[in-house]
PDB file of N, CA and C in Angstrom:
ATOM      1  N   UNK A   1    -258.862 -52.473  41.164  1.00  0.00           N
ATOM      2  CA  UNK A   1    -258.083 -53.218  40.203  1.00  0.00           C
ATOM      3  C   UNK A   1    -256.976 -53.949  40.964  1.00  0.00           C
ATOM      4  N   UNK A   2    -256.862 -55.240  40.743  1.00  0.00           N
ATOM      5  CA  UNK A   2    -255.858 -56.029  41.450  1.00  0.00           C
ATOM      6  C   UNK A   2    -254.521 -55.976  40.711  1.00  0.00           C
ATOM      7  N   UNK A   3    -253.500 -56.505  41.351  1.00  0.00           N
ATOM      8  CA  UNK A   3    -252.171 -56.532  40.754  1.00  0.00           C
ATOM      9  C   UNK A   3    -252.175 -57.413  39.500  1.00  0.00           C
ATOM     10  N   UNK A   4    -252.893 -58.515  39.543  1.00  0.00           N
ATOM     11  CA  UNK A   4    -252.965 -59.400  38.383  1.00  0.00           C
ATOM     12  C   UNK A   4    -253.623 -58.703  37.192  1.00  0.00           C
ATOM     13  N   UNK A   5    -254.691 -57.968  37.423  1.00  0.00           N
ATOM     14  CA  UNK A   5    -255.339 -57.224  36.337  1.00  0.00           C
ATOM     15  C   UNK A   5    -254.425 -56.139  35.781  1.00  0.00           C
ATOM     16  N   UNK A   6    -253.682 -55.486  36.638  1.00  0.00           N
ATOM     17  CA  UNK A   6    -252.757 -54.448  36.199  1.00  0.00           C
ATOM     18  C   UNK A   6    -251.684 -55.049  35.291  1.00  0.00           C
ATOM     19  N   UNK A   7    -251.144 -56.187  35.701  1.00  0.00           N
ATOM     20  CA  UNK A   7    -250.139 -56.857  34.875  1.00  0.00           C
ATOM     21  C   UNK A   7    -250.749 -57.275  33.544  1.00  0.00           C
ATOM     22  N   UNK A   8    -251.961 -57.813  33.575  1.00  0.00           N
ATOM     23  CA  UNK A   8    -252.602 -58.252  32.335  1.00  0.00           C
ATOM     24  C   UNK A   8    -252.886 -57.080  31.397  1.00  0.00           C
ATOM     25  N   UNK A   9    -253.242 -55.943  31.922  1.00  0.00           N
ATOM     26  CA  UNK A   9    -253.594 -54.789  31.081  1.00  0.00           C
ATOM     27  C   UNK A   9    -252.384 -54.005  30.570  1.00  0.00           C
ATOM     28  N   UNK A  10    -251.341 -53.926  31.369  1.00  0.00           N
ATOM     29  CA  UNK A  10    -250.218 -53.069  30.995  1.00  0.00           C
ATOM     30  C   UNK A  10    -248.969 -53.833  30.544  1.00  0.00           C
ATOM     31  N   UNK A  11    -248.608 -54.895  31.198  1.00  0.00           N
ATOM     32  CA  UNK A  11    -247.357 -55.583  30.915  1.00  0.00           C
ATOM     33  C   UNK A  11    -247.496 -56.534  29.724  1.00  0.00           C
ATOM     34  N   UNK A  12    -248.545 -57.343  29.712  1.00  0.00           N
ATOM     35  CA  UNK A  12    -248.686 -58.354  28.658  1.00  0.00           C
ATOM     36  C   UNK A  12    -248.792 -57.716  27.265  1.00  0.00           C
ATOM     37  N   UNK A  13    -249.622 -56.697  27.031  1.00  0.00           N
ATOM     38  CA  UNK A  13    -249.649 -56.105  25.686  1.00  0.00           C
ATOM     39  C   UNK A  13    -248.321 -55.437  25.290  1.00  0.00           C
ATOM     40  N   UNK A  14    -247.659 -54.811  26.237  1.00  0.00           N
ATOM     41  CA  UNK A  14    -246.379 -54.165  25.932  1.00  0.00           C
ATOM     42  C   UNK A  14    -245.329 -55.198  25.532  1.00  0.00           C
ATOM     43  N   UNK A  15    -245.212 -56.256  26.297  1.00  0.00           N
ATOM     44  CA  UNK A  15    -244.245 -57.306  25.980  1.00  0.00           C
ATOM     45  C   UNK A  15    -244.622 -57.977  24.663  1.00  0.00           C
ATOM     46  N   UNK A  16    -245.905 -58.198  24.440  1.00  0.00           N
ATOM     47  CA  UNK A  16    -246.357 -58.791  23.189  1.00  0.00           C
ATOM     48  C   UNK A  16    -246.014 -57.924  21.987  1.00  0.00           C
ATOM     49  N   UNK A  17    -246.158 -56.607  22.120  1.00  0.00           N
ATOM     50  CA  UNK A  17    -245.816 -55.695  21.036  1.00  0.00           C
ATOM     51  C   UNK A  17    -244.319 -55.720  20.744  1.00  0.00           C
ATOM     52  N   UNK A  18    -243.501 -55.726  21.774  1.00  0.00           N
ATOM     53  CA  UNK A  18    -242.050 -55.808  21.579  1.00  0.00           C
ATOM     54  C   UNK A  18    -241.655 -57.134  20.913  1.00  0.00           C
ATOM     55  N   UNK A  19    -242.281 -58.232  21.321  1.00  0.00           N
ATOM     56  CA  UNK A  19    -241.979 -59.520  20.708  1.00  0.00           C
ATOM     57  C   UNK A  19    -242.420 -59.554  19.247  1.00  0.00           C
ATOM     58  N   UNK A  20    -243.556 -58.951  18.930  1.00  0.00           N
ATOM     59  CA  UNK A  20    -244.025 -58.899  17.546  1.00  0.00           C
ATOM     60  C   UNK A  20    -243.065 -58.096  16.675  1.00  0.00           C
ATOM     61  N   UNK A  21    -242.612 -56.955  17.161  1.00  0.00           N
ATOM     62  CA  UNK A  21    -241.660 -56.134  16.403  1.00  0.00           C
ATOM     63  C   UNK A  21    -240.346 -56.886  16.214  1.00  0.00           C
ATOM     64  N   UNK A  22    -239.867 -57.550  17.252  1.00  0.00           N
ATOM     65  CA  UNK A  22    -238.630 -58.321  17.138  1.00  0.00           C
ATOM     66  C   UNK A  22    -238.788 -59.455  16.135  1.00  0.00           C
ATOM     67  N   UNK A  23    -239.932 -60.115  16.130  1.00  0.00           N
ATOM     68  CA  UNK A  23    -240.171 -61.190  15.175  1.00  0.00           C
ATOM     69  C   UNK A  23    -240.217 -60.658  13.748  1.00  0.00           C
ATOM     70  N   UNK A  24    -240.833 -59.496  13.523  1.00  0.00           N
ATOM     71  CA  UNK A  24    -240.894 -58.920  12.188  1.00  0.00           C
ATOM     72  C   UNK A  24    -239.515 -58.483  11.691  1.00  0.00           C
ATOM     73  N   UNK A  25    -238.630 -58.128  12.603  1.00  0.00           N
ATOM     74  CA  UNK A  25    -237.277 -57.726  12.210  1.00  0.00           C
ATOM     75  C   UNK A  25    -236.401 -58.951  11.922  1.00  0.00           C
ATOM     76  N   UNK A  26    -236.517 -59.990  12.703  1.00  0.00           N
ATOM     77  CA  UNK A  26    -235.642 -61.150  12.596  1.00  0.00           C
ATOM     78  C   UNK A  26    -236.128 -62.161  11.554  1.00  0.00           C
ATOM     79  N   UNK A  27    -237.425 -62.246  11.297  1.00  0.00           N
ATOM     80  CA  UNK A  27    -237.982 -63.279  10.412  1.00  0.00           C
ATOM     81  C   UNK A  27    -237.419 -63.240   8.991  1.00  0.00           C
ATOM     82  N   UNK A  28    -237.288 -62.076   8.331  1.00  0.00           N
ATOM     83  CA  UNK A  28    -236.737 -62.107   6.972  1.00  0.00           C
ATOM     84  C   UNK A  28    -235.309 -62.643   6.919  1.00  0.00           C
ATOM     85  N   UNK A  29    -234.514 -62.343   7.909  1.00  0.00           N
ATOM     86  CA  UNK A  29    -233.133 -62.824   7.922  1.00  0.00           C
ATOM     87  C   UNK A  29    -233.093 -64.342   8.123  1.00  0.00           C
ATOM     88  N   UNK A  30    -233.983 -64.868   8.924  1.00  0.00           N
ATOM     89  CA  UNK A  30    -234.004 -66.309   9.169  1.00  0.00           C
ATOM     90  C   UNK A  30    -234.543 -67.072   7.963  1.00  0.00           C
ATOM     91  N   UNK A  31    -235.347 -66.429   7.125  1.00  0.00           N
ATOM     92  CA  UNK A  31    -235.944 -67.100   5.975  1.00  0.00           C
ATOM     93  C   UNK A  31    -235.003 -67.152   4.780  1.00  0.00           C
ATOM     94  N   UNK A  32    -233.915 -66.391   4.781  1.00  0.00           N
ATOM     95  CA  UNK A  32    -232.976 -66.367   3.657  1.00  0.00           C
ATOM     96  C   UNK A  32    -232.168 -67.648   3.572  1.00  0.00           C
ATOM     97  N   UNK A  33    -231.633 -67.882   2.378  1.00  0.00           N
ATOM     98  CA  UNK A  33    -230.719 -69.003   2.194  1.00  0.00           C
ATOM     99  C   UNK A  33    -229.426 -68.717   2.941  1.00  0.00           C
ATOM    100  N   UNK A  34    -228.697 -69.750   3.300  1.00  0.00           N
ATOM    101  CA  UNK A  34    -227.411 -69.513   3.962  1.00  0.00           C
ATOM    102  C   UNK A  34    -226.435 -68.829   3.010  1.00  0.00           C
ATOM    103  N   UNK A  35    -225.665 -67.905   3.527  1.00  0.00           N
ATOM    104  CA  UNK A  35    -224.712 -67.153   2.712  1.00  0.00           C
ATOM    105  C   UNK A  35    -223.409 -67.917   2.571  1.00  0.00           C
ATOM    106  N   UNK A  36    -222.710 -67.617   1.485  1.00  0.00           N
ATOM    107  CA  UNK A  36    -221.384 -68.196   1.287  1.00  0.00           C
ATOM    108  C   UNK A  36    -220.394 -67.480   2.194  1.00  0.00           C
ATOM    109  N   UNK A  37    -219.592 -68.239   2.867  1.00  0.00           N
ATOM    110  CA  UNK A  37    -218.527 -67.694   3.717  1.00  0.00           C
ATOM    111  C   UNK A  37    -217.180 -68.156   3.173  1.00  0.00           C
ATOM    112  N   UNK A  38    -216.201 -67.334   3.315  1.00  0.00           N
ATOM    113  CA  UNK A  38    -214.858 -67.668   2.826  1.00  0.00           C
ATOM    114  C   UNK A  38    -214.384 -68.957   3.469  1.00  0.00           C
ATOM    115  N   UNK A  39    -213.833 -69.834   2.659  1.00  0.00           N
ATOM    116  CA  UNK A  39    -213.336 -71.109   3.152  1.00  0.00           C
ATOM    117  C   UNK A  39    -214.293 -72.255   2.907  1.00  0.00           C
ATOM    118  N   UNK A  40    -215.559 -71.963   2.604  1.00  0.00           N
ATOM    119  CA  UNK A  40    -216.511 -73.023   2.304  1.00  0.00           C
ATOM    120  C   UNK A  40    -216.350 -73.450   0.850  1.00  0.00           C
ATOM    121  N   UNK A  41    -216.701 -74.683   0.525  1.00  0.00           N
ATOM    122  CA  UNK A  41    -216.630 -75.091  -0.884  1.00  0.00           C
ATOM    123  C   UNK A  41    -217.663 -74.334  -1.716  1.00  0.00           C
ATOM    124  N   UNK A  42    -217.295 -74.011  -2.946  1.00  0.00           N
ATOM    125  CA  UNK A  42    -218.177 -73.258  -3.843  1.00  0.00           C
ATOM    126  C   UNK A  42    -219.023 -74.260  -4.628  1.00  0.00           C
ATOM    127  N   UNK A  43    -220.366 -74.251  -4.467  1.00  0.00           N
ATOM    128  CA  UNK A  43    -221.193 -75.289  -5.083  1.00  0.00           C
ATOM    129  C   UNK A  43    -221.640 -74.977  -6.512  1.00  0.00           C
ATOM    130  N   UNK A  44    -221.166 -73.908  -7.119  1.00  0.00           N
ATOM    131  CA  UNK A  44    -221.650 -73.503  -8.440  1.00  0.00           C
ATOM    132  C   UNK A  44    -220.566 -73.665  -9.492  1.00  0.00           C
ATOM    133  N   UNK A  45    -220.991 -73.682 -10.748  1.00  0.00           N
ATOM    134  CA  UNK A  45    -220.052 -73.747 -11.864  1.00  0.00           C
ATOM    135  C   UNK A  45    -219.265 -72.436 -11.927  1.00  0.00           C
ATOM    136  N   UNK A  46    -217.998 -72.475 -12.352  1.00  0.00           N
ATOM    137  CA  UNK A  46    -217.238 -71.227 -12.483  1.00  0.00           C
ATOM    138  C   UNK A  46    -217.801 -70.378 -13.615  1.00  0.00           C
ATOM    139  N   UNK A  47    -217.769 -69.079 -13.431  1.00  0.00           N
ATOM    140  CA  UNK A  47    -218.269 -68.138 -14.418  1.00  0.00           C
ATOM    141  C   UNK A  47    -217.151 -67.151 -14.713  1.00  0.00           C
ATOM    142  N   UNK A  48    -216.700 -67.131 -15.946  1.00  0.00           N
ATOM    143  CA  UNK A  48    -215.633 -66.226 -16.338  1.00  0.00           C
ATOM    144  C   UNK A  48    -216.246 -65.075 -17.098  1.00  0.00           C
ATOM    145  N   UNK A  49    -215.926 -63.865 -16.718  1.00  0.00           N
ATOM    146  CA  UNK A  49    -216.494 -62.673 -17.331  1.00  0.00           C
ATOM    147  C   UNK A  49    -215.367 -61.709 -17.648  1.00  0.00           C
ATOM    148  N   UNK A  50    -215.459 -61.085 -18.808  1.00  0.00           N
ATOM    149  CA  UNK A  50    -214.507 -60.046 -19.159  1.00  0.00           C
ATOM    150  C   UNK A  50    -215.256 -58.909 -19.823  1.00  0.00           C
ATOM    151  N   UNK A  51    -214.853 -57.706 -19.560  1.00  0.00           N
ATOM    152  CA  UNK A  51    -215.511 -56.538 -20.147  1.00  0.00           C
ATOM    153  C   UNK A  51    -215.060 -56.318 -21.583  1.00  0.00           C
ATOM    154  N   UNK A  52    -213.931 -56.898 -21.965  1.00  0.00           N
ATOM    155  CA  UNK A  52    -213.391 -56.705 -23.300  1.00  0.00           C
ATOM    156  C   UNK A  52    -213.087 -58.070 -23.907  1.00  0.00           C
ATOM    157  N   UNK A  53    -214.094 -58.719 -24.529  1.00  0.00           N
ATOM    158  CA  UNK A  53    -213.839 -60.043 -25.083  1.00  0.00           C
ATOM    159  C   UNK A  53    -212.787 -60.021 -26.193  1.00  0.00           C
ATOM    160  N   UNK A  54    -212.724 -58.940 -26.987  1.00  0.00           N
ATOM    161  CA  UNK A  54    -211.728 -58.876 -28.054  1.00  0.00           C
ATOM    162  C   UNK A  54    -210.319 -58.798 -27.464  1.00  0.00           C
ATOM    163  N   UNK A  55    -210.160 -58.111 -26.363  1.00  0.00           N
ATOM    164  CA  UNK A  55    -208.854 -58.005 -25.723  1.00  0.00           C
ATOM    165  C   UNK A  55    -208.405 -59.318 -25.117  1.00  0.00           C
ATOM    166  N   UNK A  56    -209.331 -60.188 -24.804  1.00  0.00           N
ATOM    167  CA  UNK A  56    -209.005 -61.497 -24.253  1.00  0.00           C
ATOM    168  C   UNK A  56    -208.991 -62.570 -25.335  1.00  0.00           C
ATOM    169  N   UNK A  57    -208.996 -62.162 -26.604  1.00  0.00           N
ATOM    170  CA  UNK A  57    -209.018 -63.061 -27.754  1.00  0.00           C
ATOM    171  C   UNK A  57    -210.207 -64.021 -27.703  1.00  0.00           C
ATOM    172  N   UNK A  58    -211.380 -63.496 -27.314  1.00  0.00           N
ATOM    173  CA  UNK A  58    -212.605 -64.273 -27.280  1.00  0.00           C
ATOM    174  C   UNK A  58    -213.567 -63.727 -28.323  1.00  0.00           C
ATOM    175  N   UNK A  59    -214.474 -64.552 -28.832  1.00  0.00           N
ATOM    176  CA  UNK A  59    -215.460 -64.025 -29.773  1.00  0.00           C
ATOM    177  C   UNK A  59    -216.423 -63.098 -29.054  1.00  0.00           C
ATOM    178  N   UNK A  60    -216.968 -62.080 -29.742  1.00  0.00           N
ATOM    179  CA  UNK A  60    -217.916 -61.185 -29.083  1.00  0.00           C
ATOM    180  C   UNK A  60    -219.174 -61.943 -28.657  1.00  0.00           C
ATOM    181  N   UNK A  61    -219.746 -61.523 -27.554  1.00  0.00           N
ATOM    182  CA  UNK A  61    -220.928 -62.197 -27.020  1.00  0.00           C
ATOM    183  C   UNK A  61    -222.116 -61.981 -27.932  1.00  0.00           C
ATOM    184  N   UNK A  62    -222.371 -60.753 -28.310  1.00  0.00           N
ATOM    185  CA  UNK A  62    -223.416 -60.474 -29.292  1.00  0.00           C
ATOM    186  C   UNK A  62    -222.723 -59.929 -30.530  1.00  0.00           C
ATOM    187  N   UNK A  63    -223.325 -60.056 -31.680  1.00  0.00           N
ATOM    188  CA  UNK A  63    -222.670 -59.712 -32.918  1.00  0.00           C
ATOM    189  C   UNK A  63    -222.514 -58.237 -33.177  1.00  0.00           C
ATOM    190  N   UNK A  64    -222.837 -57.347 -32.234  1.00  0.00           N
ATOM    191  CA  UNK A  64    -222.802 -55.910 -32.481  1.00  0.00           C
ATOM    192  C   UNK A  64    -221.390 -55.406 -32.747  1.00  0.00           C
ATOM    193  N   UNK A  65    -220.450 -55.809 -31.943  1.00  0.00           N
ATOM    194  CA  UNK A  65    -219.090 -55.288 -32.106  1.00  0.00           C
ATOM    195  C   UNK A  65    -218.475 -55.786 -33.412  1.00  0.00           C
ATOM    196  N   UNK A  66    -218.719 -57.035 -33.758  1.00  0.00           N
ATOM    197  CA  UNK A  66    -218.149 -57.575 -34.992  1.00  0.00           C
ATOM    198  C   UNK A  66    -218.833 -56.965 -36.211  1.00  0.00           C
ATOM    199  N   UNK A  67    -220.140 -56.728 -36.145  1.00  0.00           N
ATOM    200  CA  UNK A  67    -220.869 -56.178 -37.285  1.00  0.00           C
ATOM    201  C   UNK A  67    -220.502 -54.722 -37.522  1.00  0.00           C
ATOM    202  N   UNK A  68    -220.199 -53.991 -36.479  1.00  0.00           N
ATOM    203  CA  UNK A  68    -219.890 -52.572 -36.614  1.00  0.00           C
ATOM    204  C   UNK A  68    -218.422 -52.338 -36.948  1.00  0.00           C
ATOM    205  N   UNK A  69    -217.636 -53.379 -37.004  1.00  0.00           N
ATOM    206  CA  UNK A  69    -216.224 -53.221 -37.337  1.00  0.00           C
ATOM    207  C   UNK A  69    -215.388 -52.879 -36.119  1.00  0.00           C
ATOM    208  N   UNK A  70    -215.899 -53.145 -34.958  1.00  0.00           N
ATOM    209  CA  UNK A  70    -215.150 -52.868 -33.733  1.00  0.00           C
ATOM    210  C   UNK A  70    -216.064 -52.234 -32.694  1.00  0.00           C
ATOM    211  N   UNK A  71    -215.573 -52.064 -31.503  1.00  0.00           N
ATOM    212  CA  UNK A  71    -216.400 -51.496 -30.449  1.00  0.00           C
ATOM    213  C   UNK A  71    -216.591 -49.990 -30.643  1.00  0.00           C
ATOM    214  N   UNK A  72    -217.768 -49.576 -31.078  1.00  0.00           N
ATOM    215  CA  UNK A  72    -218.048 -48.157 -31.281  1.00  0.00           C
ATOM    216  C   UNK A  72    -219.049 -47.621 -30.273  1.00  0.00           C
ATOM    217  N   UNK A  73    -219.791 -48.479 -29.637  1.00  0.00           N
ATOM    218  CA  UNK A  73    -220.795 -48.039 -28.670  1.00  0.00           C
ATOM    219  C   UNK A  73    -220.099 -47.730 -27.364  1.00  0.00           C
ATOM    220  N   UNK A  74    -220.393 -46.571 -26.791  1.00  0.00           N
ATOM    221  CA  UNK A  74    -219.778 -46.187 -25.534  1.00  0.00           C
ATOM    222  C   UNK A  74    -220.815 -46.239 -24.429  1.00  0.00           C
ATOM    223  N   UNK A  75    -220.371 -46.576 -23.287  1.00  0.00           N
ATOM    224  CA  UNK A  75    -221.258 -46.641 -22.134  1.00  0.00           C
ATOM    225  C   UNK A  75    -221.458 -45.265 -21.521  1.00  0.00           C
ATOM    226  N   UNK A  76    -222.228 -45.216 -20.462  1.00  0.00           N
ATOM    227  CA  UNK A  76    -222.537 -43.954 -19.813  1.00  0.00           C
ATOM    228  C   UNK A  76    -221.425 -43.452 -18.917  1.00  0.00           C
ATOM    229  N   UNK A  77    -220.510 -44.297 -18.510  1.00  0.00           N
ATOM    230  CA  UNK A  77    -219.419 -43.893 -17.618  1.00  0.00           C
ATOM    231  C   UNK A  77    -218.121 -43.925 -18.400  1.00  0.00           C
ATOM    232  N   UNK A  78    -217.482 -42.809 -18.497  1.00  0.00           N
ATOM    233  CA  UNK A  78    -216.179 -42.787 -19.141  1.00  0.00           C
ATOM    234  C   UNK A  78    -215.280 -41.768 -18.417  1.00  0.00           C
ATOM    235  N   UNK A  79    -214.038 -41.864 -18.700  1.00  0.00           N
ATOM    236  CA  UNK A  79    -213.098 -40.945 -18.080  1.00  0.00           C
ATOM    237  C   UNK A  79    -211.964 -40.641 -19.027  1.00  0.00           C
ATOM    238  N   UNK A  80    -211.195 -39.671 -18.680  1.00  0.00           N
ATOM    239  CA  UNK A  80    -210.038 -39.321 -19.502  1.00  0.00           C
ATOM    240  C   UNK A  80    -208.800 -39.883 -18.821  1.00  0.00           C
ATOM    241  N   UNK A  81    -208.062 -40.701 -19.532  1.00  0.00           N
ATOM    242  CA  UNK A  81    -206.895 -41.340 -18.940  1.00  0.00           C
ATOM    243  C   UNK A  81    -205.658 -40.773 -19.551  1.00  0.00           C
TER     244      UNK A  81
END
């Protein structure tokens, strides 16, 4: 077996495997859209959200709170204050 055959049998497949793994790791990140970074202009419409529309003097989003006479439905996370 010559030196060239040894390189072809042992080095080329090993390097190829490492390059394939590196490509599989890096490819999803390269395919994503660019992320927003602080200081860049914001290209979207502003979105205002509040957890308590009645407290902000806004109409309820869905008619449940108004139909029930106030907020009676409780969420899964609560605490004692």
